[in-house]
Amino acid sequence: MSLTKPTFPAPDHDHGRCTAEAIAHAEQVCARRAQKFTPIRRQVLQALLSSHRPLGAYEVIDELAKSMPRPAPITVYRALDFLMENGLVHRIESRNAFLACAHDHDETSMVAFLICELCGSVGEIPAAPVAQSLNAAARASGFAPKLSVVEIAGTCAHCQK
């Protein structure tokens, strides 16, 4: 995973540029994988990019309904599935919500989510060594792990100031 993006963007960062870069990244990923970046997939990703906070599926629907006819939940869930399969969106398990991702990795990359309890922003950091250790410990006890998700709640540097 390439960490070219800051873990937590500054509150006054150029969000329009941030969003445009994330959409361009999604277009590149889809082109490289010969996947279709359909209008609804683009719109769902844009809704998630409206902030750096995770959104539930129905919050995505509400965001989309501001600029188009209200989409059916199944349509949004299918778009979210596609975006997750292509490493463009993560599911934040503890929040039952989804987060846009502009890092260059796929759905199998191990990341840890840093969840700010004050502003609600979520950052991500590489977590392969941690996840591998947890999976090894689980296997050593006879457990067959399927999915490792690391979520760490706390306060981001911007809110600590």
N, C-alpha and C. Protein backbone atom coordinates (compact mmCIF):
# COMPACT_ATOMS: atom_id res chain seq x y z
N MET A 1 0.85 -1.18 0.00
CA MET A 1 0.00 0.00 0.00
C MET A 1 0.88 1.23 0.00
N SER A 2 0.56 2.15 -0.83
CA SER A 2 1.32 3.39 -0.93
C SER A 2 0.62 4.46 -0.10
N LEU A 3 1.35 5.09 0.81
CA LEU A 3 0.77 6.13 1.66
C LEU A 3 1.14 7.52 1.15
N THR A 4 0.74 7.82 -0.07
CA THR A 4 1.02 9.14 -0.62
C THR A 4 0.03 10.17 -0.09
N LYS A 5 -1.10 9.74 0.41
CA LYS A 5 -2.10 10.63 0.98
C LYS A 5 -1.86 10.75 2.48
N PRO A 6 -2.12 11.91 3.08
CA PRO A 6 -1.97 12.02 4.53
C PRO A 6 -3.02 11.15 5.23
N THR A 7 -2.67 10.65 6.41
CA THR A 7 -3.60 9.80 7.15
C THR A 7 -4.89 10.56 7.46
N PHE A 8 -4.75 11.79 7.94
CA PHE A 8 -5.89 12.67 8.19
C PHE A 8 -5.62 13.99 7.47
N PRO A 9 -6.35 14.29 6.38
CA PRO A 9 -6.13 15.57 5.70
C PRO A 9 -6.42 16.74 6.63
N ALA A 10 -5.68 17.81 6.44
CA ALA A 10 -5.90 19.02 7.24
C ALA A 10 -7.33 19.52 7.02
N PRO A 11 -7.96 20.05 8.06
CA PRO A 11 -9.33 20.55 7.91
C PRO A 11 -9.50 21.57 6.79
N ASP A 12 -8.46 22.34 6.49
CA ASP A 12 -8.56 23.37 5.45
C ASP A 12 -7.97 22.92 4.11
N HIS A 13 -7.81 21.61 3.91
CA HIS A 13 -7.21 21.13 2.65
C HIS A 13 -8.16 21.41 1.47
N ASP A 14 -7.63 21.32 0.27
CA ASP A 14 -8.41 21.54 -0.95
C ASP A 14 -9.23 20.28 -1.23
N HIS A 15 -10.46 20.26 -0.70
CA HIS A 15 -11.27 19.05 -0.80
C HIS A 15 -11.72 18.77 -2.24
N GLY A 16 -11.91 19.81 -3.03
CA GLY A 16 -12.26 19.61 -4.44
C GLY A 16 -11.16 18.85 -5.17
N ARG A 17 -9.92 19.25 -4.93
CA ARG A 17 -8.78 18.55 -5.55
C ARG A 17 -8.66 17.14 -5.02
N CYS A 18 -8.86 16.99 -3.72
CA CYS A 18 -8.82 15.68 -3.06
C CYS A 18 -9.84 14.73 -3.72
N THR A 19 -11.04 15.21 -3.93
CA THR A 19 -12.11 14.42 -4.55
C THR A 19 -11.77 14.11 -6.00
N ALA A 20 -11.30 15.09 -6.74
CA ALA A 20 -10.95 14.89 -8.15
C ALA A 20 -9.85 13.84 -8.30
N GLU A 21 -8.85 13.88 -7.41
CA GLU A 21 -7.76 12.90 -7.45
C GLU A 21 -8.28 11.50 -7.14
N ALA A 22 -9.20 11.39 -6.19
CA ALA A 22 -9.77 10.09 -5.83
C ALA A 22 -10.59 9.52 -6.99
N ILE A 23 -11.35 10.36 -7.68
CA ILE A 23 -12.13 9.90 -8.84
C ILE A 23 -11.18 9.47 -9.96
N ALA A 24 -10.13 10.25 -10.20
CA ALA A 24 -9.14 9.88 -11.23
C ALA A 24 -8.48 8.56 -10.88
N HIS A 25 -8.17 8.36 -9.60
CA HIS A 25 -7.58 7.08 -9.15
C HIS A 25 -8.55 5.93 -9.43
N ALA A 26 -9.83 6.14 -9.12
CA ALA A 26 -10.85 5.10 -9.37
C ALA A 26 -10.94 4.77 -10.86
N GLU A 27 -10.90 5.80 -11.69
CA GLU A 27 -10.94 5.58 -13.14
C GLU A 27 -9.75 4.74 -13.59
N GLN A 28 -8.56 5.05 -13.05
CA GLN A 28 -7.35 4.29 -13.40
C GLN A 28 -7.45 2.84 -12.95
N VAL A 29 -7.91 2.63 -11.72
CA VAL A 29 -8.05 1.27 -11.19
C VAL A 29 -9.01 0.47 -12.06
N CYS A 30 -10.15 1.05 -12.38
CA CYS A 30 -11.15 0.35 -13.20
C CYS A 30 -10.61 0.07 -14.60
N ALA A 31 -9.92 1.02 -15.20
CA ALA A 31 -9.35 0.81 -16.54
C ALA A 31 -8.30 -0.30 -16.50
N ARG A 32 -7.43 -0.26 -15.49
CA ARG A 32 -6.37 -1.27 -15.35
C ARG A 32 -6.95 -2.67 -15.18
N ARG A 33 -8.09 -2.77 -14.51
CA ARG A 33 -8.72 -4.06 -14.24
C ARG A 33 -9.82 -4.41 -15.24
N ALA A 34 -9.97 -3.59 -16.27
CA ALA A 34 -11.01 -3.79 -17.29
C ALA A 34 -12.40 -3.88 -16.64
N GLN A 35 -12.64 -3.00 -15.67
CA GLN A 35 -13.93 -2.92 -14.98
C GLN A 35 -14.64 -1.66 -15.43
N LYS A 36 -15.96 -1.70 -15.44
CA LYS A 36 -16.74 -0.53 -15.82
C LYS A 36 -16.99 0.37 -14.60
N PHE A 37 -16.60 1.62 -14.73
CA PHE A 37 -16.87 2.62 -13.70
C PHE A 37 -18.14 3.34 -14.13
N THR A 38 -19.27 2.69 -13.88
CA THR A 38 -20.57 3.16 -14.34
C THR A 38 -20.97 4.46 -13.63
N PRO A 39 -21.94 5.17 -14.19
CA PRO A 39 -22.38 6.42 -13.54
C PRO A 39 -22.81 6.22 -12.08
N ILE A 40 -23.54 5.16 -11.77
CA ILE A 40 -23.99 4.98 -10.38
C ILE A 40 -22.81 4.66 -9.47
N ARG A 41 -21.85 3.90 -9.95
CA ARG A 41 -20.65 3.61 -9.14
C ARG A 41 -19.89 4.91 -8.86
N ARG A 42 -19.77 5.74 -9.88
CA ARG A 42 -19.10 7.04 -9.73
C ARG A 42 -19.86 7.91 -8.73
N GLN A 43 -21.19 7.95 -8.84
CA GLN A 43 -22.00 8.79 -7.96
C GLN A 43 -21.92 8.32 -6.50
N VAL A 44 -21.91 7.00 -6.30
CA VAL A 44 -21.79 6.47 -4.93
C VAL A 44 -20.42 6.85 -4.36
N LEU A 45 -19.37 6.70 -5.16
CA LEU A 45 -18.04 7.07 -4.69
C LEU A 45 -17.98 8.57 -4.40
N GLN A 46 -18.58 9.39 -5.26
CA GLN A 46 -18.59 10.84 -5.02
C GLN A 46 -19.34 11.17 -3.73
N ALA A 47 -20.42 10.46 -3.45
CA ALA A 47 -21.16 10.69 -2.20
C ALA A 47 -20.27 10.39 -1.00
N LEU A 48 -19.51 9.29 -1.10
CA LEU A 48 -18.61 8.94 0.00
C LEU A 48 -17.46 9.93 0.12
N LEU A 49 -17.09 10.52 -0.99
CA LEU A 49 -15.99 11.50 -0.99
C LEU A 49 -16.44 12.88 -0.51
N SER A 50 -17.73 13.04 -0.23
CA SER A 50 -18.23 14.35 0.20
C SER A 50 -17.61 14.78 1.53
N SER A 51 -17.07 13.82 2.29
CA SER A 51 -16.35 14.14 3.53
C SER A 51 -15.35 13.01 3.77
N HIS A 52 -14.58 13.15 4.82
CA HIS A 52 -13.63 12.08 5.19
C HIS A 52 -14.19 11.25 6.33
N ARG A 53 -15.50 11.22 6.42
CA ARG A 53 -16.17 10.42 7.44
C ARG A 53 -16.89 9.26 6.76
N PRO A 54 -16.99 8.14 7.46
CA PRO A 54 -17.73 7.01 6.88
C PRO A 54 -19.23 7.31 6.85
N LEU A 55 -19.90 6.80 5.83
CA LEU A 55 -21.35 6.97 5.68
C LEU A 55 -22.01 5.61 5.62
N GLY A 56 -23.16 5.49 6.25
CA GLY A 56 -23.97 4.29 6.10
C GLY A 56 -24.61 4.28 4.72
N ALA A 57 -25.08 3.13 4.29
CA ALA A 57 -25.67 3.01 2.96
C ALA A 57 -26.85 3.97 2.78
N TYR A 58 -27.66 4.13 3.81
CA TYR A 58 -28.81 5.03 3.68
C TYR A 58 -28.38 6.50 3.70
N GLU A 59 -27.25 6.80 4.33
CA GLU A 59 -26.71 8.16 4.24
C GLU A 59 -26.20 8.42 2.82
N VAL A 60 -25.64 7.40 2.19
CA VAL A 60 -25.22 7.53 0.79
C VAL A 60 -26.45 7.81 -0.08
N ILE A 61 -27.52 7.06 0.16
CA ILE A 61 -28.76 7.26 -0.60
C ILE A 61 -29.27 8.70 -0.40
N ASP A 62 -29.25 9.17 0.84
CA ASP A 62 -29.70 10.54 1.12
C ASP A 62 -28.82 11.56 0.40
N GLU A 63 -27.52 11.33 0.37
CA GLU A 63 -26.59 12.23 -0.32
C GLU A 63 -26.89 12.25 -1.82
N LEU A 64 -27.12 11.06 -2.40
CA LEU A 64 -27.42 10.97 -3.83
C LEU A 64 -28.76 11.62 -4.16
N ALA A 65 -29.72 11.50 -3.25
CA ALA A 65 -31.07 12.04 -3.50
C ALA A 65 -31.07 13.56 -3.59
N LYS A 66 -29.99 14.20 -3.18
CA LYS A 66 -29.89 15.66 -3.29
C LYS A 66 -29.73 16.10 -4.74
N SER A 67 -29.20 15.20 -5.60
CA SER A 67 -28.91 15.61 -6.98
C SER A 67 -29.50 14.68 -8.04
N MET A 68 -30.27 13.68 -7.64
CA MET A 68 -30.84 12.74 -8.60
C MET A 68 -32.04 12.06 -7.95
N PRO A 69 -32.85 11.35 -8.73
CA PRO A 69 -33.94 10.60 -8.10
C PRO A 69 -33.38 9.59 -7.10
N ARG A 70 -34.06 9.44 -6.00
CA ARG A 70 -33.60 8.57 -4.91
C ARG A 70 -33.36 7.15 -5.43
N PRO A 71 -32.11 6.65 -5.36
CA PRO A 71 -31.84 5.29 -5.87
C PRO A 71 -32.35 4.22 -4.91
N ALA A 72 -32.61 3.05 -5.45
CA ALA A 72 -33.04 1.92 -4.63
C ALA A 72 -31.86 1.44 -3.80
N PRO A 73 -32.10 1.00 -2.56
CA PRO A 73 -31.01 0.50 -1.72
C PRO A 73 -30.17 -0.59 -2.40
N ILE A 74 -30.80 -1.52 -3.11
CA ILE A 74 -30.04 -2.60 -3.75
C ILE A 74 -29.06 -2.05 -4.77
N THR A 75 -29.42 -0.98 -5.45
CA THR A 75 -28.54 -0.34 -6.43
C THR A 75 -27.30 0.21 -5.74
N VAL A 76 -27.50 0.86 -4.60
CA VAL A 76 -26.37 1.44 -3.85
C VAL A 76 -25.51 0.32 -3.26
N TYR A 77 -26.14 -0.71 -2.71
CA TYR A 77 -25.37 -1.82 -2.15
C TYR A 77 -24.54 -2.53 -3.22
N ARG A 78 -25.08 -2.69 -4.41
CA ARG A 78 -24.31 -3.31 -5.50
C ARG A 78 -23.11 -2.44 -5.88
N ALA A 79 -23.32 -1.13 -5.94
CA ALA A 79 -22.22 -0.22 -6.26
C ALA A 79 -21.17 -0.27 -5.15
N LEU A 80 -21.60 -0.30 -3.89
CA LEU A 80 -20.66 -0.40 -2.77
C LEU A 80 -19.87 -1.69 -2.83
N ASP A 81 -20.54 -2.80 -3.16
CA ASP A 81 -19.83 -4.09 -3.30
C ASP A 81 -18.75 -4.00 -4.36
N PHE A 82 -19.09 -3.44 -5.51
CA PHE A 82 -18.11 -3.27 -6.59
C PHE A 82 -16.93 -2.42 -6.12
N LEU A 83 -17.23 -1.30 -5.49
CA LEU A 83 -16.18 -0.39 -5.04
C LEU A 83 -15.29 -1.05 -3.99
N MET A 84 -15.87 -1.86 -3.10
CA MET A 84 -15.07 -2.57 -2.10
C MET A 84 -14.20 -3.64 -2.76
N GLU A 85 -14.77 -4.37 -3.71
CA GLU A 85 -14.01 -5.42 -4.40
C GLU A 85 -12.80 -4.85 -5.14
N ASN A 86 -12.87 -3.60 -5.51
CA ASN A 86 -11.79 -2.98 -6.26
C ASN A 86 -10.91 -2.07 -5.39
N GLY A 87 -11.07 -2.18 -4.07
CA GLY A 87 -10.21 -1.44 -3.15
C GLY A 87 -10.44 0.05 -3.14
N LEU A 88 -11.60 0.50 -3.59
CA LEU A 88 -11.89 1.93 -3.64
C LEU A 88 -12.72 2.41 -2.45
N VAL A 89 -13.27 1.46 -1.72
CA VAL A 89 -14.10 1.76 -0.56
C VAL A 89 -13.81 0.69 0.50
N HIS A 90 -13.82 1.10 1.76
CA HIS A 90 -13.69 0.17 2.88
C HIS A 90 -14.99 0.17 3.67
N ARG A 91 -15.26 -0.94 4.33
CA ARG A 91 -16.38 -1.00 5.27
C ARG A 91 -15.81 -0.86 6.67
N ILE A 92 -16.31 0.10 7.41
CA ILE A 92 -15.92 0.29 8.80
C ILE A 92 -16.91 -0.53 9.63
N GLU A 93 -16.45 -1.68 10.08
CA GLU A 93 -17.32 -2.66 10.74
C GLU A 93 -18.03 -2.08 11.96
N SER A 94 -17.29 -1.38 12.83
CA SER A 94 -17.88 -0.89 14.08
C SER A 94 -18.95 0.16 13.86
N ARG A 95 -18.94 0.79 12.70
CA ARG A 95 -19.91 1.84 12.39
C ARG A 95 -20.94 1.39 11.37
N ASN A 96 -20.77 0.18 10.83
CA ASN A 96 -21.62 -0.31 9.74
C ASN A 96 -21.74 0.78 8.66
N ALA A 97 -20.56 1.26 8.27
CA ALA A 97 -20.51 2.38 7.33
C ALA A 97 -19.38 2.16 6.34
N PHE A 98 -19.33 3.01 5.33
CA PHE A 98 -18.38 2.85 4.23
C PHE A 98 -17.54 4.12 4.10
N LEU A 99 -16.29 3.93 3.70
CA LEU A 99 -15.33 5.01 3.60
C LEU A 99 -14.62 4.94 2.25
N ALA A 100 -14.60 6.04 1.52
CA ALA A 100 -13.86 6.09 0.25
C ALA A 100 -12.38 5.97 0.54
N CYS A 101 -11.65 5.33 -0.38
CA CYS A 101 -10.22 5.13 -0.20
C CYS A 101 -9.50 5.47 -1.50
N ALA A 102 -8.50 6.35 -1.41
CA ALA A 102 -7.73 6.71 -2.61
C ALA A 102 -6.32 6.15 -2.55
N HIS A 103 -6.05 5.27 -1.58
CA HIS A 103 -4.74 4.62 -1.51
C HIS A 103 -4.67 3.55 -2.59
N ASP A 104 -3.48 3.23 -3.01
CA ASP A 104 -3.30 2.26 -4.10
C ASP A 104 -3.14 0.85 -3.54
N HIS A 105 -4.25 0.22 -3.22
CA HIS A 105 -4.23 -1.17 -2.77
C HIS A 105 -5.54 -1.82 -3.13
N ASP A 106 -5.60 -3.15 -2.99
CA ASP A 106 -6.84 -3.85 -3.31
C ASP A 106 -7.55 -4.27 -2.04
N GLU A 107 -8.65 -5.01 -2.20
CA GLU A 107 -9.48 -5.37 -1.05
C GLU A 107 -8.80 -6.34 -0.11
N THR A 108 -7.71 -6.98 -0.52
CA THR A 108 -7.03 -7.95 0.35
C THR A 108 -5.93 -7.30 1.19
N SER A 109 -5.61 -6.04 0.95
CA SER A 109 -4.57 -5.37 1.74
C SER A 109 -5.05 -5.17 3.17
N MET A 110 -4.14 -5.40 4.09
CA MET A 110 -4.48 -5.23 5.50
C MET A 110 -4.21 -3.79 5.92
N VAL A 111 -5.23 -3.13 6.42
CA VAL A 111 -5.10 -1.77 6.92
C VAL A 111 -5.73 -1.68 8.29
N ALA A 112 -5.30 -0.70 9.06
CA ALA A 112 -5.94 -0.39 10.33
C ALA A 112 -6.63 0.96 10.16
N PHE A 113 -7.82 1.07 10.70
CA PHE A 113 -8.58 2.31 10.61
C PHE A 113 -8.43 3.07 11.91
N LEU A 114 -8.07 4.33 11.80
CA LEU A 114 -7.94 5.22 12.95
C LEU A 114 -9.17 6.11 12.95
N ILE A 115 -10.04 5.92 13.94
CA ILE A 115 -11.34 6.60 13.97
C ILE A 115 -11.32 7.68 15.04
N CYS A 116 -11.42 8.94 14.60
CA CYS A 116 -11.42 10.06 15.55
C CYS A 116 -12.80 10.16 16.20
N GLU A 117 -12.80 10.08 17.51
CA GLU A 117 -14.06 10.15 18.26
C GLU A 117 -14.61 11.57 18.35
N LEU A 118 -13.81 12.57 18.02
CA LEU A 118 -14.29 13.94 18.10
C LEU A 118 -14.88 14.44 16.78
N CYS A 119 -14.13 14.31 15.70
CA CYS A 119 -14.61 14.86 14.42
C CYS A 119 -15.23 13.80 13.51
N GLY A 120 -15.03 12.52 13.82
CA GLY A 120 -15.62 11.45 13.02
C GLY A 120 -14.82 11.05 11.81
N SER A 121 -13.70 11.73 11.54
CA SER A 121 -12.86 11.36 10.41
C SER A 121 -12.21 10.00 10.64
N VAL A 122 -11.90 9.34 9.55
CA VAL A 122 -11.24 8.04 9.63
C VAL A 122 -10.01 8.08 8.74
N GLY A 123 -8.89 7.68 9.30
CA GLY A 123 -7.65 7.55 8.54
C GLY A 123 -7.31 6.08 8.44
N GLU A 124 -6.39 5.77 7.55
CA GLU A 124 -5.97 4.37 7.45
C GLU A 124 -4.46 4.29 7.37
N ILE A 125 -3.93 3.24 7.99
CA ILE A 125 -2.49 2.98 7.97
C ILE A 125 -2.28 1.51 7.62
N PRO A 126 -1.12 1.17 7.05
CA PRO A 126 -0.84 -0.24 6.76
C PRO A 126 -0.82 -1.05 8.05
N ALA A 127 -1.37 -2.25 8.02
CA ALA A 127 -1.44 -3.07 9.22
C ALA A 127 -1.12 -4.54 8.96
N ALA A 128 -0.45 -4.83 7.87
CA ALA A 128 -0.17 -6.23 7.54
C ALA A 128 0.55 -6.96 8.67
N PRO A 129 1.62 -6.40 9.27
CA PRO A 129 2.29 -7.15 10.34
C PRO A 129 1.38 -7.45 11.53
N VAL A 130 0.55 -6.49 11.90
CA VAL A 130 -0.37 -6.69 13.03
C VAL A 130 -1.39 -7.77 12.68
N ALA A 131 -1.99 -7.66 11.52
CA ALA A 131 -3.00 -8.63 11.09
C ALA A 131 -2.40 -10.02 10.96
N GLN A 132 -1.18 -10.11 10.42
CA GLN A 132 -0.53 -11.41 10.29
C GLN A 132 -0.27 -12.03 11.66
N SER A 133 0.15 -11.22 12.63
CA SER A 133 0.37 -11.73 13.98
C SER A 133 -0.93 -12.22 14.61
N LEU A 134 -2.00 -11.45 14.45
CA LEU A 134 -3.29 -11.87 14.99
C LEU A 134 -3.78 -13.16 14.33
N ASN A 135 -3.65 -13.23 13.01
CA ASN A 135 -4.07 -14.44 12.29
C ASN A 135 -3.24 -15.64 12.71
N ALA A 136 -1.93 -15.47 12.91
CA ALA A 136 -1.07 -16.57 13.33
C ALA A 136 -1.46 -17.05 14.73
N ALA A 137 -1.74 -16.10 15.62
CA ALA A 137 -2.17 -16.48 16.98
C ALA A 137 -3.49 -17.23 16.94
N ALA A 138 -4.40 -16.78 16.08
CA ALA A 138 -5.69 -17.45 15.95
C ALA A 138 -5.50 -18.87 15.41
N ARG A 139 -4.68 -19.02 14.37
CA ARG A 139 -4.42 -20.35 13.80
C ARG A 139 -3.75 -21.27 14.82
N ALA A 140 -2.85 -20.72 15.64
CA ALA A 140 -2.15 -21.52 16.65
C ALA A 140 -3.13 -22.10 17.67
N SER A 141 -4.27 -21.44 17.84
CA SER A 141 -5.27 -21.96 18.79
C SER A 141 -6.30 -22.84 18.10
N GLY A 142 -6.08 -23.15 16.82
CA GLY A 142 -6.99 -24.01 16.09
C GLY A 142 -8.13 -23.28 15.40
N PHE A 143 -8.07 -21.97 15.40
CA PHE A 143 -9.12 -21.16 14.78
C PHE A 143 -8.71 -20.84 13.35
N ALA A 144 -9.66 -20.86 12.43
CA ALA A 144 -9.38 -20.53 11.03
C ALA A 144 -9.90 -19.12 10.74
N PRO A 145 -9.04 -18.10 10.84
CA PRO A 145 -9.50 -16.73 10.62
C PRO A 145 -9.88 -16.50 9.17
N LYS A 146 -10.92 -15.68 8.99
CA LYS A 146 -11.40 -15.35 7.65
C LYS A 146 -11.09 -13.90 7.31
N LEU A 147 -11.28 -13.01 8.26
CA LEU A 147 -11.15 -11.58 8.00
C LEU A 147 -10.55 -10.90 9.23
N SER A 148 -9.55 -10.10 9.01
CA SER A 148 -8.97 -9.30 10.09
C SER A 148 -9.26 -7.84 9.81
N VAL A 149 -9.92 -7.21 10.76
CA VAL A 149 -10.20 -5.78 10.66
C VAL A 149 -9.69 -5.15 11.94
N VAL A 150 -8.84 -4.16 11.80
CA VAL A 150 -8.31 -3.47 12.96
C VAL A 150 -8.87 -2.05 12.94
N GLU A 151 -9.59 -1.69 13.99
CA GLU A 151 -10.15 -0.35 14.13
C GLU A 151 -9.70 0.21 15.46
N ILE A 152 -9.11 1.38 15.41
CA ILE A 152 -8.57 2.01 16.62
C ILE A 152 -9.27 3.35 16.81
N ALA A 153 -9.98 3.47 17.92
CA ALA A 153 -10.67 4.73 18.23
C ALA A 153 -9.74 5.63 19.05
N GLY A 154 -9.86 6.92 18.83
CA GLY A 154 -9.03 7.87 19.56
C GLY A 154 -9.28 9.27 19.04
N THR A 155 -8.25 10.11 19.09
CA THR A 155 -8.37 11.51 18.69
C THR A 155 -7.29 11.81 17.66
N CYS A 156 -7.71 12.35 16.51
CA CYS A 156 -6.74 12.70 15.45
C CYS A 156 -5.90 13.90 15.89
N ALA A 157 -4.77 14.08 15.21
CA ALA A 157 -3.85 15.18 15.53
C ALA A 157 -4.53 16.55 15.39
N HIS A 158 -5.42 16.70 14.42
CA HIS A 158 -6.09 17.99 14.21
C HIS A 158 -7.00 18.34 15.39
N CYS A 159 -7.69 17.35 15.95
CA CYS A 159 -8.58 17.61 17.08
C CYS A 159 -7.81 17.77 18.39
N GLN A 160 -6.60 17.23 18.45
CA GLN A 160 -5.79 17.37 19.66
C GLN A 160 -5.26 18.79 19.82
N LYS A 161 -5.21 19.55 18.70
CA LYS A 161 -4.65 20.92 18.75
C LYS A 161 -5.60 21.89 19.40
